[in-house]
Protein backbone atom coordinates (compact mmCIF):
# COMPACT_ATOMS: atom_id res chain seq x y z
CA MET A 1 -36.69 10.07 -18.29
CA THR A 2 -37.64 13.98 -18.60
CA LYS A 3 -37.60 15.38 -22.48
CA ASN A 4 -34.28 16.65 -21.53
CA GLU A 5 -33.20 13.76 -20.66
CA THR A 6 -34.31 12.05 -23.13
CA LYS A 7 -32.42 14.10 -26.10
CA VAL A 8 -29.27 13.33 -24.21
CA PHE A 9 -29.92 9.66 -24.52
CA LYS A 10 -31.22 9.88 -28.37
CA VAL A 11 -27.69 11.71 -29.29
CA LEU A 12 -26.12 8.69 -27.28
CA CYS A 13 -27.76 5.96 -29.07
CA PHE A 14 -26.64 8.32 -32.51
CA LEU A 15 -23.09 8.15 -31.48
CA CYS A 16 -23.33 4.30 -30.41
CA MET A 17 -24.72 3.38 -34.12
CA LEU A 18 -22.12 5.47 -35.85
CA PHE A 19 -19.31 3.70 -34.14
CA ALA A 20 -21.05 0.89 -34.32
CA VAL A 21 -20.02 0.74 -38.37
CA SER A 22 -16.03 1.15 -37.82
CA PRO A 23 -14.13 -1.39 -39.24
CA ALA A 24 -13.58 -4.60 -37.33
CA VAL A 25 -10.04 -5.90 -36.20
CA SER A 26 -8.93 -8.83 -34.49
CA ALA A 27 -9.28 -8.11 -31.42
CA MET A 28 -10.11 -5.34 -28.55
CA HIS A 29 -8.05 -4.32 -25.13
CA ILE A 30 -5.77 -7.12 -25.00
CA MET A 31 -7.63 -10.58 -26.90
CA GLU A 32 -8.49 -13.73 -25.81
CA GLY A 33 -5.51 -15.67 -24.80
CA TYR A 34 -2.94 -13.00 -25.18
CA LEU A 35 -1.89 -13.56 -21.52
CA PRO A 36 0.00 -16.77 -19.05
CA PRO A 37 -2.20 -18.27 -17.25
CA THR A 38 -0.58 -16.86 -14.03
CA PHE A 39 -1.48 -13.47 -15.47
CA CYS A 40 -4.94 -13.73 -16.19
CA VAL A 41 -5.28 -15.01 -12.43
CA ALA A 42 -3.05 -12.21 -10.82
CA TRP A 43 -5.14 -8.93 -12.95
CA GLY A 44 -8.00 -10.63 -11.88
CA VAL A 45 -7.93 -11.17 -8.14
CA ILE A 46 -6.48 -7.74 -7.45
CA CYS A 47 -10.01 -6.75 -9.52
CA LEU A 48 -11.82 -8.33 -7.44
CA PRO A 49 -11.21 -5.11 -3.87
CA PHE A 50 -11.58 -1.76 -6.71
CA LEU A 51 -15.24 -3.71 -8.08
CA PHE A 52 -16.59 -4.62 -4.20
CA LEU A 53 -15.64 -0.84 -3.76
CA GLY A 54 -17.41 -0.40 -7.05
CA PHE A 55 -20.69 -2.37 -6.22
CA THR A 56 -20.87 -0.81 -2.88
CA ARG A 57 -20.62 2.58 -4.17
CA LEU A 58 -23.44 1.94 -6.58
CA ASN A 59 -25.38 0.05 -4.10
CA ARG A 60 -24.78 3.73 -1.87
CA GLN A 61 -25.97 5.87 -4.56
CA VAL A 62 -28.65 4.56 -5.77
CA LYS A 63 -30.08 4.37 -2.44
CA GLU A 64 -29.79 7.81 -1.84
CA ASN A 65 -31.62 8.44 -5.16
CA ARG A 66 -33.00 6.64 -7.68
CA LYS A 67 -32.92 9.23 -10.05
CA SER A 68 -29.02 8.83 -10.03
CA MET A 69 -30.20 5.07 -12.18
CA THR A 70 -30.43 7.02 -14.86
CA MET A 71 -26.99 9.18 -15.05
CA ILE A 72 -25.95 5.37 -14.11
CA ALA A 73 -26.67 4.61 -17.57
CA MET A 74 -25.62 6.84 -19.12
CA ALA A 75 -22.70 6.76 -17.99
CA GLY A 76 -22.20 3.05 -18.48
CA ALA A 77 -23.47 3.79 -22.12
CA PHE A 78 -20.82 6.19 -23.22
CA ILE A 79 -18.04 3.82 -22.35
CA PHE A 80 -20.07 1.25 -24.41
CA VAL A 81 -20.30 3.64 -26.90
CA ILE A 82 -16.48 5.76 -27.22
CA SER A 83 -15.07 2.40 -26.09
CA SER A 84 -16.60 0.94 -29.43
CA LEU A 85 -14.55 2.68 -31.80
CA LYS A 86 -11.47 0.89 -32.34
CA ILE A 87 -7.88 1.35 -34.47
CA PRO A 88 -5.20 -1.62 -34.99
CA SER A 89 -1.85 -0.60 -32.75
CA VAL A 90 -0.21 -3.21 -31.12
CA THR A 91 -0.14 -7.13 -31.53
CA GLY A 92 -2.52 -8.27 -29.24
CA SER A 93 -4.18 -5.14 -29.16
CA CYS A 94 -5.67 -2.37 -30.16
CA SER A 95 -6.33 1.30 -29.69
CA HIS A 96 -9.42 3.26 -28.92
CA MET A 97 -10.79 5.94 -26.34
CA THR A 98 -11.92 4.38 -22.91
CA GLY A 99 -14.96 6.90 -21.69
CA THR A 100 -14.22 6.02 -18.61
CA GLY A 101 -13.02 9.98 -17.56
CA LEU A 102 -17.05 10.62 -17.50
CA GLY A 103 -18.02 8.14 -15.64
CA ALA A 104 -14.62 9.14 -12.86
CA ILE A 105 -15.93 12.56 -12.36
CA LEU A 106 -19.52 11.96 -12.21
CA PHE A 107 -19.73 8.81 -9.27
CA GLY A 108 -15.58 8.22 -8.73
CA PRO A 109 -13.54 5.37 -9.30
CA ALA A 110 -15.12 2.74 -7.06
CA ALA A 111 -18.56 2.90 -9.56
CA VAL A 112 -16.67 3.57 -13.10
CA SER A 113 -15.03 -0.13 -12.46
CA VAL A 114 -18.11 -1.88 -11.98
CA MET A 115 -19.47 0.28 -15.30
CA GLY A 116 -16.29 -0.79 -17.39
CA LEU A 117 -16.12 -4.59 -16.66
CA ILE A 118 -20.16 -4.65 -17.54
CA VAL A 119 -18.81 -2.95 -20.66
CA LEU A 120 -15.73 -5.59 -21.21
CA LEU A 121 -17.94 -8.37 -20.61
CA PHE A 122 -20.58 -7.02 -23.37
CA GLN A 123 -17.64 -6.87 -25.37
CA ALA A 124 -16.50 -9.66 -24.48
CA ILE A 125 -19.19 -12.32 -25.22
CA LEU A 126 -20.88 -10.74 -27.74
CA LEU A 127 -18.73 -8.63 -29.67
CA ALA A 128 -15.22 -10.45 -29.89
CA HIS A 129 -13.71 -7.76 -27.85
CA GLY A 130 -10.92 -8.71 -25.73
CA GLY A 131 -11.44 -11.87 -23.95
CA LEU A 132 -12.65 -13.36 -20.50
CA SER A 133 -9.38 -14.94 -20.06
CA THR A 134 -7.85 -11.09 -19.99
CA LEU A 135 -11.00 -9.69 -18.41
CA GLY A 136 -8.46 -8.57 -15.14
CA ALA A 137 -6.32 -7.07 -16.73
CA ASN A 138 -8.17 -4.71 -19.09
CA CYS A 139 -10.80 -3.80 -16.21
CA PHE A 140 -7.67 -3.27 -14.59
CA SER A 141 -6.26 -1.09 -17.47
CA MET A 142 -9.57 0.02 -18.32
CA ALA A 143 -12.22 0.69 -15.17
CA ILE A 144 -9.65 1.12 -12.76
CA ALA A 145 -6.32 2.68 -13.31
CA GLY A 146 -7.66 5.00 -15.58
CA PRO A 147 -10.62 6.79 -13.84
CA ILE A 148 -8.05 6.95 -10.81
CA ILE A 149 -6.04 9.06 -12.34
CA SER A 150 -9.41 11.03 -14.30
CA TRP A 151 -10.87 11.63 -10.64
CA LEU A 152 -7.38 12.94 -9.26
CA ILE A 153 -6.94 15.12 -11.58
CA TYR A 154 -10.10 16.60 -11.91
CA LYS A 155 -10.51 16.80 -7.76
CA GLY A 156 -7.07 18.22 -7.64
CA LEU A 157 -8.22 20.38 -10.72
CA GLY A 158 -11.18 21.82 -8.96
CA LYS A 159 -9.73 22.74 -5.88
CA ALA A 160 -7.20 25.11 -7.60
CA GLY A 161 -9.92 26.66 -9.52
CA VAL A 162 -9.09 25.77 -13.10
CA ASN A 163 -12.23 25.64 -15.47
CA ARG A 164 -14.23 23.67 -15.08
CA LYS A 165 -14.40 22.89 -18.85
CA VAL A 166 -11.18 23.33 -19.10
CA THR A 167 -10.32 20.26 -15.73
CA VAL A 168 -13.23 17.87 -17.78
CA PHE A 169 -11.05 17.70 -20.74
CA LEU A 170 -7.38 16.82 -19.04
CA ALA A 171 -9.23 14.94 -16.53
CA ALA A 172 -10.38 12.22 -19.51
CA ALA A 173 -7.48 12.49 -22.01
CA VAL A 174 -5.14 11.68 -19.27
CA GLY A 175 -7.55 9.27 -18.15
CA ASP A 176 -7.31 7.60 -21.87
CA LEU A 177 -3.54 8.41 -21.78
CA PHE A 178 -2.66 6.49 -18.65
CA THR A 179 -4.78 3.53 -19.50
CA TYR A 180 -2.80 2.77 -22.39
CA CYS A 181 0.29 3.66 -19.94
CA VAL A 182 -0.62 1.08 -18.07
CA THR A 183 -2.25 -1.71 -20.20
CA SER A 184 2.04 -1.74 -21.98
CA ILE A 185 2.85 -2.30 -18.77
CA GLN A 186 0.75 -5.09 -18.81
CA LEU A 187 1.93 -6.46 -22.15
CA ALA A 188 5.86 -5.69 -21.18
CA MET A 189 5.30 -7.47 -18.05
CA ALA A 190 4.15 -10.28 -20.27
CA TYR A 191 6.54 -10.70 -22.50
CA PRO A 192 9.48 -9.25 -22.26
CA SER A 193 12.36 -8.23 -24.45
CA ALA A 194 15.19 -10.97 -25.48
CA GLU A 195 17.27 -8.13 -25.33
CA GLY A 196 16.89 -5.63 -22.71
CA GLY A 197 13.90 -7.16 -20.43
CA PHE A 198 10.90 -5.67 -19.41
CA GLN A 199 12.43 -1.92 -20.00
CA ALA A 200 12.53 -2.54 -23.72
CA SER A 201 9.51 -3.87 -24.42
CA LEU A 202 7.89 -1.45 -22.31
CA VAL A 203 9.62 1.45 -24.40
CA LYS A 204 8.68 -0.23 -27.73
CA PHE A 205 5.09 -0.95 -26.06
CA LEU A 206 4.58 2.91 -25.31
CA GLY A 207 6.27 4.29 -28.60
CA VAL A 208 3.60 2.31 -30.44
CA PHE A 209 0.65 3.26 -28.60
CA ALA A 210 1.43 6.62 -28.53
CA THR A 211 1.61 7.25 -32.32
CA THR A 212 -2.52 6.53 -31.87
CA GLN A 213 -3.78 7.12 -28.02
CA VAL A 214 -2.02 10.94 -28.37
CA PRO A 215 -4.90 12.48 -31.03
CA LEU A 216 -7.66 9.65 -29.47
CA ALA A 217 -7.09 10.46 -26.26
CA ILE A 218 -7.15 14.60 -27.03
CA ILE A 219 -10.93 13.49 -28.75
CA GLU A 220 -11.53 11.35 -25.94
CA GLY A 221 -10.93 15.40 -24.05
CA ILE A 222 -13.01 17.19 -26.18
CA LEU A 223 -16.30 14.82 -26.61
CA THR A 224 -16.51 14.39 -22.76
CA VAL A 225 -16.41 18.09 -22.39
CA ILE A 226 -19.25 18.81 -25.07
CA VAL A 227 -21.57 15.37 -22.90
CA VAL A 228 -21.18 17.42 -19.81
CA ILE A 229 -22.04 21.04 -21.03
CA ALA A 230 -24.45 18.89 -22.25
CA LEU A 231 -26.37 17.19 -19.19
CA GLU A 232 -25.25 20.62 -17.25
CA SER A 233 -27.97 21.85 -19.91
CA PHE A 234 -30.31 19.24 -19.85
CA ALA A 235 -30.21 17.81 -16.86
CA GLN A 236 -29.76 20.04 -13.91
CA SER A 237 -31.80 18.93 -11.13
CA GLU A 238 -29.96 14.80 -12.15
CA LEU A 239 -26.87 16.29 -11.84
CA LYS A 240 -27.79 17.80 -8.54
CA ALA A 241 -28.65 14.33 -7.03
CA ILE A 242 -25.78 13.15 -7.07
CA HIS A 243 -24.12 16.67 -6.38
CA PHE A 244 -21.67 16.95 -9.21
CA ASN A 245 -21.97 20.73 -8.51
CA ALA A 246 -20.57 20.09 -5.27
């Protein structure tokens, strides 16, 4: 690891320690045991093809250039760091930044599905955040759906000639918001309202999440831009190795 990479890594470690002292809450993502078993199994099955593509993509990336391992590790650490800041939102879940937009921008959404799964496993087993039974649902919303939107926005605005910093900001922020739209759909499907059914329940979950998630999405967008600027300043060779400037 070069001196410049070491500087970036130390900054990420500092942020990790900073966020680690945030107040504890009852859950992160959708908590253990909150979804019915059929929903847990269904979301897990849906995630399988994305994870297969992700493992294939990462394996090819590492074989093509060993230097990409450093960038993969940094992207994974960023997801873990930024998703450690937890704010209680609705019963059975919490609002938090996701950090997956950065990985989607650097490596594409397939690779992020694996990074997100690893982070979610660590949080469920070691930190009691989220859960093993709800791993599939959390993985789909945070590590699959959100990154896909981030990647589409980044590629689309990039081709349109929009400023790089604006593109990165929108990709990270909107991807974050979309993650919680999917989480709201998952919760509404599992627990439709007695009056109004799925639609009424969805409106309720979206409304509650929006009050905390909109400002968090803006913060995540800004933080992602800062990290990209840092990488462009201190890790140019590594960015070229993963064809970020292509």
